[in-house]
Amino acid sequence: TYDTIRTFGLITASILCAHAQSLVGTVVDQQGKTVSTAKVTLVDPAKGQRRNSLTDSAGAFSFLPLPANTYDLLVERDGFSTASYPGVIINGNDQRSLRIE
């Protein structure tokens, strides 16, 4: 049935994510309040490739699955200074979590 297929899909996705690299995080302001609709850009400087994510109402963003590599991370939002984090290393099976202020 549909429920069985849907459940199987969720289990499969969970298994795949458990063995893949990921980068997730939360963007907060100087007072510790979450920042929604911030543009988070993950850059592979060696290949010139970019991936974008937009923070949700809880300030959360995610990049998954993600190849092991060294990345640059940029965070932008109107009314805030652009934050730059060069050299974010993601190794095999890393599941990194960042808090960005």
Protein backbone atom coordinates (compact mmCIF):
# COMPACT_ATOMS: atom_id res chain seq x y z
CA THR A 1 0.00 0.00 0.00
CA TYR A 2 0.96 3.65 -0.19
CA ASP A 3 1.80 3.83 3.55
CA THR A 4 4.16 0.88 3.23
CA ILE A 5 5.90 2.44 0.23
CA ARG A 6 6.14 5.81 1.95
CA THR A 7 7.57 4.23 5.12
CA PHE A 8 10.08 2.22 3.09
CA GLY A 9 11.16 5.42 1.32
CA LEU A 10 11.71 7.18 4.65
CA ILE A 11 13.72 4.26 6.01
CA THR A 12 15.82 4.14 2.84
CA ALA A 13 16.45 7.89 3.00
CA SER A 14 17.48 7.60 6.66
CA ILE A 15 19.92 4.81 5.88
CA LEU A 16 21.44 6.74 2.98
CA CYS A 17 21.84 9.90 5.07
CA ALA A 18 23.43 7.98 7.93
CA HIS A 19 26.36 7.06 5.70
CA ALA A 20 26.76 10.30 3.76
CA GLN A 21 28.40 13.56 4.65
CA SER A 22 26.19 16.47 5.62
CA LEU A 23 26.42 20.02 6.85
CA VAL A 24 23.56 21.52 8.84
CA GLY A 25 23.35 24.55 11.02
CA THR A 26 21.52 27.45 12.55
CA VAL A 27 22.01 31.16 11.87
CA VAL A 28 21.49 33.49 14.84
CA ASP A 29 21.99 37.21 15.43
CA GLN A 30 24.14 38.80 18.16
CA GLN A 31 21.30 38.45 20.66
CA GLY A 32 20.99 34.72 19.92
CA LYS A 33 17.69 35.06 18.02
CA THR A 34 17.30 32.89 14.95
CA VAL A 35 17.61 34.54 11.55
CA SER A 36 15.12 33.37 8.94
CA THR A 37 15.46 33.80 5.15
CA ALA A 38 19.24 34.13 5.26
CA LYS A 39 20.95 32.88 2.11
CA VAL A 40 23.59 30.29 2.96
CA THR A 41 25.99 29.45 0.12
CA LEU A 42 28.37 26.51 0.17
CA VAL A 43 31.21 26.94 -2.34
CA ASP A 44 33.58 24.29 -3.65
CA PRO A 45 36.50 26.61 -4.54
CA ALA A 46 38.37 23.91 -6.48
CA LYS A 47 35.46 23.32 -8.88
CA GLY A 48 33.76 26.70 -8.65
CA GLN A 49 30.47 24.99 -7.77
CA ARG A 50 27.91 26.62 -5.46
CA ARG A 51 24.97 25.24 -3.54
CA ASN A 52 22.42 27.50 -1.87
CA SER A 53 20.10 27.05 1.07
CA LEU A 54 17.67 29.47 2.65
CA THR A 55 17.23 29.40 6.43
CA ASP A 56 13.77 28.49 7.66
CA SER A 57 11.78 30.18 10.44
CA ALA A 58 14.02 28.46 13.03
CA GLY A 59 17.19 29.77 11.32
CA ALA A 60 18.09 26.25 10.15
CA PHE A 61 19.82 25.29 6.90
CA SER A 62 21.12 22.02 5.48
CA PHE A 63 23.32 20.62 2.75
CA LEU A 64 22.94 16.89 2.24
CA PRO A 65 24.15 14.64 0.85
CA LEU A 66 27.49 16.32 0.48
CA PRO A 67 30.76 15.01 -1.01
CA ALA A 68 33.76 15.03 1.32
CA ASN A 69 35.74 18.17 0.52
CA THR A 70 36.90 21.55 1.80
CA TYR A 71 34.30 24.28 1.32
CA ASP A 72 33.81 27.99 1.84
CA LEU A 73 30.56 29.04 3.51
CA LEU A 74 28.89 32.43 3.03
CA VAL A 75 25.86 33.74 4.90
CA GLU A 76 23.95 36.79 3.64
CA ARG A 77 20.81 38.63 4.69
CA ASP A 78 19.58 42.18 4.26
CA GLY A 79 20.36 44.24 7.35
CA PHE A 80 23.32 42.03 8.38
CA SER A 81 26.98 41.91 7.42
CA THR A 82 27.95 39.04 5.14
CA ALA A 83 29.64 36.28 7.13
CA SER A 84 32.38 34.23 5.48
CA TYR A 85 33.79 30.95 6.77
CA PRO A 86 36.57 29.65 4.49
CA GLY A 87 38.05 26.18 4.79
CA VAL A 88 35.12 24.21 6.23
CA ILE A 89 36.36 20.62 6.06
CA ILE A 90 33.90 17.78 5.53
CA ASN A 91 35.55 14.36 5.82
CA GLY A 92 34.07 10.97 4.93
CA ASN A 93 30.92 10.23 7.00
CA ASP A 94 31.08 13.65 8.71
CA GLN A 95 27.77 15.04 9.84
CA ARG A 96 28.75 18.56 10.82
CA SER A 97 26.55 21.00 12.65
CA LEU A 98 27.39 24.71 12.87
CA ARG A 99 25.99 27.65 14.80
CA ILE A 100 26.60 30.82 12.81
CA GLU A 101 26.43 34.23 14.48
